[in-house]
Amino acid sequence: MIIKAITIGIFLFIGFRVLVFIVKKVGFTKRIMHHLKTILSIFEFIVWFAFLTWVIKLVYESKDHFVLVFAAVAAVLLIVPAFILLRDFVFGVFLKVQNKVIEGTFIELEDIKGEIVKAGQFFLNVGDLHGNVKSLGYYKVNSRVISIAGDHHQLERLVLEFNFPRTNRTNEITDKLNYLLLNTPWVVASKAPLVESINTEAEHTVVRMAVFVINKSYRENIMEMVNQNLALSSADQLGSA
């Protein structure tokens, strides 16, 4: 009986993981993928609930005192963690159905601001603008004020890397990059570019800037336009000298 239940449980777990993997590889749009994942989460919960009910029925009908005692002890030990996970799962479904937690969107949770890296079944992972990822249970997320500014929930964060001859005038470089990036037609002007990092190497200064765009496919267009303007600016400076 125990071996049978464990085998079926392993089969269900692997089956759902394979199903989720296949859905991710199909290549649906972000919104369709969001709804599919929500439906799969609810369906998986129903299946696991039915499986657990079946296992409890088997244990009860077995009349095996050892198994009954073991099941009772396990139930006492797991009741609190199970309640917490169930609570987070229910609140997660509630938030997902309202389209408040979509992967890849920018979200503000009072003191936490960043991109939703992963909207799992029990936890939400939010990556801030410095690359730090924080994991929050959906119950805690639901108790906070969730803000999505206008159409910004559809924006994607894009990190661009620029190389300059080695210099200590990094403030001038970042100011110029800010200006040039905001003047491209692909970068959203309502969200200012952010300095991701500045690294000074042997002969170069490497500046990484984070910008917000509608589609990450604009990377090459942005890089080409900014580099062209940087080259023109350098040429003008040499000419005036």
C-alpha atoms as a PDB file:
ATOM      1  CA  MET A   1       0.000   0.000   0.000  1.00  0.00           C
ATOM      2  CA  ILE A   2       2.734   2.469   1.007  1.00  0.00           C
ATOM      3  CA  ILE A   3       4.883   1.610  -2.014  1.00  0.00           C
ATOM      4  CA  LYS A   4       1.870   2.011  -4.300  1.00  0.00           C
ATOM      5  CA  ALA A   5       1.011   5.433  -2.863  1.00  0.00           C
ATOM      6  CA  ILE A   6       4.643   6.632  -3.087  1.00  0.00           C
ATOM      7  CA  THR A   7       4.932   5.397  -6.687  1.00  0.00           C
ATOM      8  CA  ILE A   8       1.766   7.190  -7.752  1.00  0.00           C
ATOM      9  CA  GLY A   9       2.892  10.342  -5.920  1.00  0.00           C
ATOM     10  CA  ILE A  10       6.264  10.337  -7.711  1.00  0.00           C
ATOM     11  CA  PHE A  11       4.534   9.731 -11.034  1.00  0.00           C
ATOM     12  CA  LEU A  12       2.183  12.698 -10.454  1.00  0.00           C
ATOM     13  CA  PHE A  13       5.039  14.996  -9.391  1.00  0.00           C
ATOM     14  CA  ILE A  14       7.178  14.170 -12.444  1.00  0.00           C
ATOM     15  CA  GLY A  15       4.147  14.368 -14.731  1.00  0.00           C
ATOM     16  CA  PHE A  16       3.237  17.897 -13.641  1.00  0.00           C
ATOM     17  CA  ARG A  17       6.842  19.089 -13.850  1.00  0.00           C
ATOM     18  CA  VAL A  18       7.083  17.765 -17.429  1.00  0.00           C
ATOM     19  CA  LEU A  19       3.766  19.420 -18.288  1.00  0.00           C
ATOM     20  CA  VAL A  20       4.956  22.788 -16.951  1.00  0.00           C
ATOM     21  CA  PHE A  21       8.232  22.423 -18.888  1.00  0.00           C
ATOM     22  CA  ILE A  22       6.330  21.737 -22.132  1.00  0.00           C
ATOM     23  CA  VAL A  23       4.053  24.754 -21.615  1.00  0.00           C
ATOM     24  CA  LYS A  24       7.098  27.018 -21.095  1.00  0.00           C
ATOM     25  CA  LYS A  25       8.696  25.765 -24.320  1.00  0.00           C
ATOM     26  CA  VAL A  26       5.615  26.327 -26.496  1.00  0.00           C
ATOM     27  CA  GLY A  27       6.256  30.078 -26.652  1.00  0.00           C
ATOM     28  CA  PHE A  28       2.888  31.635 -25.820  1.00  0.00           C
ATOM     29  CA  THR A  29       2.572  35.354 -25.116  1.00  0.00           C
ATOM     30  CA  LYS A  30       3.245  36.548 -21.576  1.00  0.00           C
ATOM     31  CA  ARG A  31      -0.456  36.998 -20.719  1.00  0.00           C
ATOM     32  CA  ILE A  32      -1.529  33.630 -22.169  1.00  0.00           C
ATOM     33  CA  MET A  33       1.366  31.938 -20.345  1.00  0.00           C
ATOM     34  CA  HIS A  34       0.267  33.611 -17.119  1.00  0.00           C
ATOM     35  CA  HIS A  35      -3.272  32.250 -17.422  1.00  0.00           C
ATOM     36  CA  LEU A  36      -2.059  28.776 -18.424  1.00  0.00           C
ATOM     37  CA  LYS A  37       0.211  28.579 -15.377  1.00  0.00           C
ATOM     38  CA  THR A  38      -2.648  29.672 -13.123  1.00  0.00           C
ATOM     39  CA  ILE A  39      -4.961  27.012 -14.564  1.00  0.00           C
ATOM     40  CA  LEU A  40      -2.244  24.362 -14.207  1.00  0.00           C
ATOM     41  CA  SER A  41      -1.659  25.374 -10.572  1.00  0.00           C
ATOM     42  CA  ILE A  42      -5.343  25.020  -9.742  1.00  0.00           C
ATOM     43  CA  PHE A  43      -5.585  21.703 -11.605  1.00  0.00           C
ATOM     44  CA  GLU A  44      -2.479  20.355  -9.836  1.00  0.00           C
ATOM     45  CA  PHE A  45      -3.890  21.394  -6.463  1.00  0.00           C
ATOM     46  CA  ILE A  46      -7.153  19.529  -7.176  1.00  0.00           C
ATOM     47  CA  VAL A  47      -5.248  16.411  -8.268  1.00  0.00           C
ATOM     48  CA  TRP A  48      -2.999  16.448  -5.177  1.00  0.00           C
ATOM     49  CA  PHE A  49      -6.004  17.000  -2.913  1.00  0.00           C
ATOM     50  CA  ALA A  50      -7.748  14.011  -4.502  1.00  0.00           C
ATOM     51  CA  PHE A  51      -4.552  11.942  -4.147  1.00  0.00           C
ATOM     52  CA  LEU A  52      -4.203  12.871  -0.466  1.00  0.00           C
ATOM     53  CA  THR A  53      -7.857  11.991   0.162  1.00  0.00           C
ATOM     54  CA  TRP A  54      -7.313   8.622  -1.503  1.00  0.00           C
ATOM     55  CA  VAL A  55      -4.201   7.941   0.640  1.00  0.00           C
ATOM     56  CA  ILE A  56      -6.089   8.826   3.838  1.00  0.00           C
ATOM     57  CA  LYS A  57      -8.885   6.478   2.778  1.00  0.00           C
ATOM     58  CA  LEU A  58      -6.362   3.679   2.186  1.00  0.00           C
ATOM     59  CA  VAL A  59      -4.716   4.236   5.558  1.00  0.00           C
ATOM     60  CA  TYR A  60      -8.063   4.230   7.365  1.00  0.00           C
ATOM     61  CA  GLU A  61      -9.269   1.075   5.620  1.00  0.00           C
ATOM     62  CA  SER A  62      -5.990  -0.772   6.223  1.00  0.00           C
ATOM     63  CA  LYS A  63      -6.684  -1.151   9.974  1.00  0.00           C
ATOM     64  CA  ASP A  64      -2.914  -1.363  10.437  1.00  0.00           C
ATOM     65  CA  HIS A  65      -2.212   0.199  13.859  1.00  0.00           C
ATOM     66  CA  PHE A  66       1.404   1.036  13.041  1.00  0.00           C
ATOM     67  CA  VAL A  67       0.420   2.836   9.847  1.00  0.00           C
ATOM     68  CA  LEU A  68      -2.431   4.643  11.615  1.00  0.00           C
ATOM     69  CA  VAL A  69      -0.140   5.856  14.414  1.00  0.00           C
ATOM     70  CA  PHE A  70       2.524   6.930  11.924  1.00  0.00           C
ATOM     71  CA  ALA A  71      -0.088   8.824   9.865  1.00  0.00           C
ATOM     72  CA  ALA A  72      -1.444  10.538  12.997  1.00  0.00           C
ATOM     73  CA  VAL A  73       2.048  11.680  14.093  1.00  0.00           C
ATOM     74  CA  ALA A  74       2.872  12.890  10.575  1.00  0.00           C
ATOM     75  CA  ALA A  75      -0.412  14.809  10.432  1.00  0.00           C
ATOM     76  CA  VAL A  76       0.341  16.571  13.748  1.00  0.00           C
ATOM     77  CA  LEU A  77       3.861  17.509  12.620  1.00  0.00           C
ATOM     78  CA  LEU A  78       2.811  18.718   9.175  1.00  0.00           C
ATOM     79  CA  ILE A  79      -0.451  20.469   9.966  1.00  0.00           C
ATOM     80  CA  VAL A  80       1.121  23.910  10.546  1.00  0.00           C
ATOM     81  CA  PRO A  81       3.450  23.873   7.467  1.00  0.00           C
ATOM     82  CA  ALA A  82       0.578  22.487   5.378  1.00  0.00           C
ATOM     83  CA  PHE A  83      -1.726  25.290   6.558  1.00  0.00           C
ATOM     84  CA  ILE A  84       0.886  27.949   5.682  1.00  0.00           C
ATOM     85  CA  LEU A  85       1.473  26.485   2.216  1.00  0.00           C
ATOM     86  CA  LEU A  86      -2.255  26.142   1.566  1.00  0.00           C
ATOM     87  CA  ARG A  87      -2.813  29.745   2.669  1.00  0.00           C
ATOM     88  CA  ASP A  88      -0.067  31.031   0.362  1.00  0.00           C
ATOM     89  CA  PHE A  89      -1.362  28.915  -2.516  1.00  0.00           C
ATOM     90  CA  VAL A  90      -4.925  30.242  -2.171  1.00  0.00           C
ATOM     91  CA  PHE A  91      -3.783  33.862  -1.950  1.00  0.00           C
ATOM     92  CA  GLY A  92      -1.444  33.243  -4.913  1.00  0.00           C
ATOM     93  CA  VAL A  93      -4.324  32.024  -7.084  1.00  0.00           C
ATOM     94  CA  PHE A  94      -6.386  35.005  -5.915  1.00  0.00           C
ATOM     95  CA  LEU A  95      -3.644  37.469  -6.989  1.00  0.00           C
ATOM     96  CA  LYS A  96      -2.918  35.678 -10.265  1.00  0.00           C
ATOM     97  CA  VAL A  97      -6.575  35.642 -11.308  1.00  0.00           C
ATOM     98  CA  GLN A  98      -6.610  39.424 -10.791  1.00  0.00           C
ATOM     99  CA  ASN A  99      -3.467  39.736 -13.000  1.00  0.00           C
ATOM    100  CA  LYS A 100      -1.573  41.429 -10.168  1.00  0.00           C
ATOM    101  CA  VAL A 101       1.465  39.125 -10.270  1.00  0.00           C
ATOM    102  CA  ILE A 102       2.620  38.475 -13.842  1.00  0.00           C
ATOM    103  CA  GLU A 103       6.204  37.323 -14.428  1.00  0.00           C
ATOM    104  CA  GLY A 104       8.400  39.928 -16.110  1.00  0.00           C
ATOM    105  CA  THR A 105       6.349  42.920 -14.953  1.00  0.00           C
ATOM    106  CA  PHE A 106       7.521  45.776 -12.731  1.00  0.00           C
ATOM    107  CA  ILE A 107       5.754  45.929  -9.384  1.00  0.00           C
ATOM    108  CA  GLU A 108       5.864  48.036  -6.224  1.00  0.00           C
ATOM    109  CA  LEU A 109       5.074  46.449  -2.849  1.00  0.00           C
ATOM    110  CA  GLU A 110       5.414  49.401  -0.484  1.00  0.00           C
ATOM    111  CA  ASP A 111       9.128  49.097   0.454  1.00  0.00           C
ATOM    112  CA  ILE A 112       9.962  46.604  -2.324  1.00  0.00           C
ATOM    113  CA  LYS A 113      10.217  47.648  -5.961  1.00  0.00           C
ATOM    114  CA  GLY A 114      11.356  45.489  -8.847  1.00  0.00           C
ATOM    115  CA  GLU A 115      10.601  42.962 -11.553  1.00  0.00           C
ATOM    116  CA  ILE A 116       8.682  39.775 -10.856  1.00  0.00           C
ATOM    117  CA  VAL A 117      11.300  37.112 -11.609  1.00  0.00           C
ATOM    118  CA  LYS A 118       9.107  34.143 -10.767  1.00  0.00           C
ATOM    119  CA  ALA A 119       5.491  33.712  -9.700  1.00  0.00           C
ATOM    120  CA  GLY A 120       5.572  30.245  -8.178  1.00  0.00           C
ATOM    121  CA  GLN A 121       2.772  28.314  -6.543  1.00  0.00           C
ATOM    122  CA  PHE A 122       3.557  29.460  -2.994  1.00  0.00           C
ATOM    123  CA  PHE A 123       6.114  32.263  -3.288  1.00  0.00           C
ATOM    124  CA  LEU A 124       6.752  35.370  -5.371  1.00  0.00           C
ATOM    125  CA  ASN A 125      10.350  36.269  -6.283  1.00  0.00           C
ATOM    126  CA  VAL A 126      10.948  39.982  -6.905  1.00  0.00           C
ATOM    127  CA  GLY A 127      14.277  41.224  -8.294  1.00  0.00           C
ATOM    128  CA  ASP A 128      15.118  44.849  -7.490  1.00  0.00           C
ATOM    129  CA  LEU A 129      17.002  47.225  -9.772  1.00  0.00           C
ATOM    130  CA  HIS A 130      20.332  46.157  -8.232  1.00  0.00           C
ATOM    131  CA  GLY A 131      19.838  42.487  -9.050  1.00  0.00           C
ATOM    132  CA  ASN A 132      18.866  41.375  -5.537  1.00  0.00           C
ATOM    133  CA  VAL A 133      16.007  38.853  -5.419  1.00  0.00           C
ATOM    134  CA  LYS A 134      13.558  38.707  -2.511  1.00  0.00           C
ATOM    135  CA  SER A 135      11.132  35.829  -1.970  1.00  0.00           C
ATOM    136  CA  LEU A 136       7.736  36.573  -0.437  1.00  0.00           C
ATOM    137  CA  GLY A 137       4.813  34.344   0.441  1.00  0.00           C
ATOM    138  CA  TYR A 138       1.606  35.348  -1.313  1.00  0.00           C
ATOM    139  CA  TYR A 139      -0.115  35.931   2.029  1.00  0.00           C
ATOM    140  CA  LYS A 140       2.425  38.668   2.817  1.00  0.00           C
ATOM    141  CA  VAL A 141       2.145  40.062  -0.722  1.00  0.00           C
ATOM    142  CA  ASN A 142      -1.646  40.265  -0.435  1.00  0.00           C
ATOM    143  CA  SER A 143      -1.378  42.198   2.844  1.00  0.00           C
ATOM    144  CA  ARG A 144       0.716  44.909   1.173  1.00  0.00           C
ATOM    145  CA  VAL A 145      -0.297  47.693  -1.180  1.00  0.00           C
ATOM    146  CA  ILE A 146       0.434  46.518  -4.727  1.00  0.00           C
ATOM    147  CA  SER A 147       1.132  49.291  -7.232  1.00  0.00           C
ATOM    148  CA  ILE A 148       1.499  48.946 -10.993  1.00  0.00           C
ATOM    149  CA  ALA A 149       2.009  52.320 -12.621  1.00  0.00           C
ATOM    150  CA  GLY A 150      -0.075  52.825 -15.756  1.00  0.00           C
ATOM    151  CA  ASP A 151       1.112  50.745 -18.695  1.00  0.00           C
ATOM    152  CA  HIS A 152       4.457  50.027 -17.035  1.00  0.00           C
ATOM    153  CA  HIS A 153       3.362  46.514 -16.136  1.00  0.00           C
ATOM    154  CA  GLN A 154       4.103  45.600 -19.767  1.00  0.00           C
ATOM    155  CA  LEU A 155       7.637  47.031 -19.751  1.00  0.00           C
ATOM    156  CA  GLU A 156      10.755  44.917 -19.826  1.00  0.00           C
ATOM    157  CA  ARG A 157      14.025  45.761 -18.117  1.00  0.00           C
ATOM    158  CA  LEU A 158      17.030  45.756 -20.431  1.00  0.00           C
ATOM    159  CA  VAL A 159      20.680  46.041 -19.366  1.00  0.00           C
ATOM    160  CA  LEU A 160      23.084  47.607 -21.896  1.00  0.00           C
ATOM    161  CA  GLU A 161      26.884  47.675 -21.714  1.00  0.00           C
ATOM    162  CA  PHE A 162      29.055  50.550 -23.040  1.00  0.00           C
ATOM    163  CA  ASN A 163      32.842  50.745 -23.300  1.00  0.00           C
ATOM    164  CA  PHE A 164      34.845  53.967 -22.978  1.00  0.00           C
ATOM    165  CA  PRO A 165      38.561  54.756 -22.834  1.00  0.00           C
ATOM    166  CA  ARG A 166      39.702  54.638 -19.218  1.00  0.00           C
ATOM    167  CA  THR A 167      38.685  57.798 -17.383  1.00  0.00           C
ATOM    168  CA  ASN A 168      37.795  59.080 -13.929  1.00  0.00           C
ATOM    169  CA  ARG A 169      35.017  61.298 -15.315  1.00  0.00           C
ATOM    170  CA  THR A 170      32.343  58.671 -14.785  1.00  0.00           C
ATOM    171  CA  ASN A 171      29.679  61.189 -13.764  1.00  0.00           C
ATOM    172  CA  GLU A 172      29.936  62.925 -17.135  1.00  0.00           C
ATOM    173  CA  ILE A 173      29.728  59.567 -18.923  1.00  0.00           C
ATOM    174  CA  THR A 174      26.604  58.436 -17.076  1.00  0.00           C
ATOM    175  CA  ASP A 175      24.902  61.813 -17.583  1.00  0.00           C
ATOM    176  CA  LYS A 176      25.621  61.638 -21.310  1.00  0.00           C
ATOM    177  CA  LEU A 177      24.349  58.062 -21.532  1.00  0.00           C
ATOM    178  CA  ASN A 178      21.169  59.031 -19.696  1.00  0.00           C
ATOM    179  CA  TYR A 179      20.548  61.816 -22.175  1.00  0.00           C
ATOM    180  CA  LEU A 180      21.291  59.706 -25.255  1.00  0.00           C
ATOM    181  CA  LEU A 181      19.261  56.707 -24.062  1.00  0.00           C
ATOM    182  CA  LEU A 182      16.197  58.805 -23.292  1.00  0.00           C
ATOM    183  CA  ASN A 183      16.416  60.386 -26.743  1.00  0.00           C
ATOM    184  CA  THR A 184      16.126  57.054 -28.538  1.00  0.00           C
ATOM    185  CA  PRO A 185      12.583  56.165 -29.695  1.00  0.00           C
ATOM    186  CA  TRP A 186      12.710  52.739 -28.023  1.00  0.00           C
ATOM    187  CA  VAL A 187      13.505  53.621 -24.396  1.00  0.00           C
ATOM    188  CA  VAL A 188      10.512  54.604 -22.228  1.00  0.00           C
ATOM    189  CA  ALA A 189      11.085  58.219 -21.237  1.00  0.00           C
ATOM    190  CA  SER A 190       8.833  58.063 -18.166  1.00  0.00           C
ATOM    191  CA  LYS A 191      11.255  55.690 -16.401  1.00  0.00           C
ATOM    192  CA  ALA A 192      14.769  57.065 -16.075  1.00  0.00           C
ATOM    193  CA  PRO A 193      17.735  54.825 -16.982  1.00  0.00           C
ATOM    194  CA  LEU A 194      19.635  53.417 -14.013  1.00  0.00           C
ATOM    195  CA  VAL A 195      23.358  52.869 -13.538  1.00  0.00           C
ATOM    196  CA  GLU A 196      23.764  49.114 -13.064  1.00  0.00           C
ATOM    197  CA  SER A 197      27.553  49.126 -12.547  1.00  0.00           C
ATOM    198  CA  ILE A 198      30.776  50.954 -13.465  1.00  0.00           C
ATOM    199  CA  ASN A 199      33.957  48.897 -13.798  1.00  0.00           C
ATOM    200  CA  THR A 200      37.357  50.396 -14.565  1.00  0.00           C
ATOM    201  CA  GLU A 201      39.692  47.958 -16.324  1.00  0.00           C
ATOM    202  CA  ALA A 202      43.258  48.306 -17.627  1.00  0.00           C
ATOM    203  CA  GLU A 203      42.393  50.465 -20.639  1.00  0.00           C
ATOM    204  CA  HIS A 204      38.612  50.755 -20.535  1.00  0.00           C
ATOM    205  CA  THR A 205      35.755  51.925 -18.360  1.00  0.00           C
ATOM    206  CA  VAL A 206      32.734  49.642 -18.715  1.00  0.00           C
ATOM    207  CA  VAL A 207      29.354  51.165 -17.847  1.00  0.00           C
ATOM    208  CA  ARG A 208      26.226  49.005 -17.588  1.00  0.00           C
ATOM    209  CA  MET A 209      22.906  50.866 -17.798  1.00  0.00           C
ATOM    210  CA  ALA A 210      19.417  49.497 -17.136  1.00  0.00           C
ATOM    211  CA  VAL A 211      16.565  50.890 -19.244  1.00  0.00           C
ATOM    212  CA  PHE A 212      12.889  50.009 -19.704  1.00  0.00           C
ATOM    213  CA  VAL A 213      11.525  49.070 -23.117  1.00  0.00           C
ATOM    214  CA  ILE A 214       8.393  47.580 -24.636  1.00  0.00           C
ATOM    215  CA  ASN A 215      10.345  44.739 -26.211  1.00  0.00           C
ATOM    216  CA  LYS A 216      13.896  43.502 -25.562  1.00  0.00           C
ATOM    217  CA  SER A 217      14.388  42.989 -29.304  1.00  0.00           C
ATOM    218  CA  TYR A 218      15.160  46.742 -29.491  1.00  0.00           C
ATOM    219  CA  ARG A 219      18.582  46.161 -27.897  1.00  0.00           C
ATOM    220  CA  GLU A 220      20.575  46.405 -31.151  1.00  0.00           C
ATOM    221  CA  ASN A 221      18.682  49.502 -32.309  1.00  0.00           C
ATOM    222  CA  ILE A 222      19.354  51.304 -29.034  1.00  0.00           C
ATOM    223  CA  MET A 223      23.021  50.322 -28.934  1.00  0.00           C
ATOM    224  CA  GLU A 224      23.591  51.371 -32.538  1.00  0.00           C
ATOM    225  CA  MET A 225      21.931  54.772 -32.139  1.00  0.00           C
ATOM    226  CA  VAL A 226      23.685  55.587 -28.844  1.00  0.00           C
ATOM    227  CA  ASN A 227      27.102  54.501 -30.143  1.00  0.00           C
ATOM    228  CA  GLN A 228      26.622  56.595 -33.293  1.00  0.00           C
ATOM    229  CA  ASN A 229      25.764  59.673 -31.212  1.00  0.00           C
ATOM    230  CA  LEU A 230      28.740  59.021 -28.932  1.00  0.00           C
ATOM    231  CA  ALA A 231      31.025  58.850 -31.975  1.00  0.00           C
ATOM    232  CA  LEU A 232      29.580  62.086 -33.377  1.00  0.00           C
ATOM    233  CA  SER A 233      30.002  63.780 -29.998  1.00  0.00           C
ATOM    234  CA  SER A 234      33.665  62.702 -29.812  1.00  0.00           C
ATOM    235  CA  ALA A 235      34.269  63.920 -33.354  1.00  0.00           C
ATOM    236  CA  ASP A 236      32.732  67.325 -32.547  1.00  0.00           C
ATOM    237  CA  GLN A 237      34.941  67.656 -29.484  1.00  0.00           C
ATOM    238  CA  LEU A 238      38.073  66.861 -31.526  1.00  0.00           C
ATOM    239  CA  GLY A 239      37.022  69.334 -34.227  1.00  0.00           C
ATOM    240  CA  SER A 240      36.434  72.155 -31.771  1.00  0.00           C
ATOM    241  CA  ALA A 241      39.808  71.436 -30.128  1.00  0.00           C
END
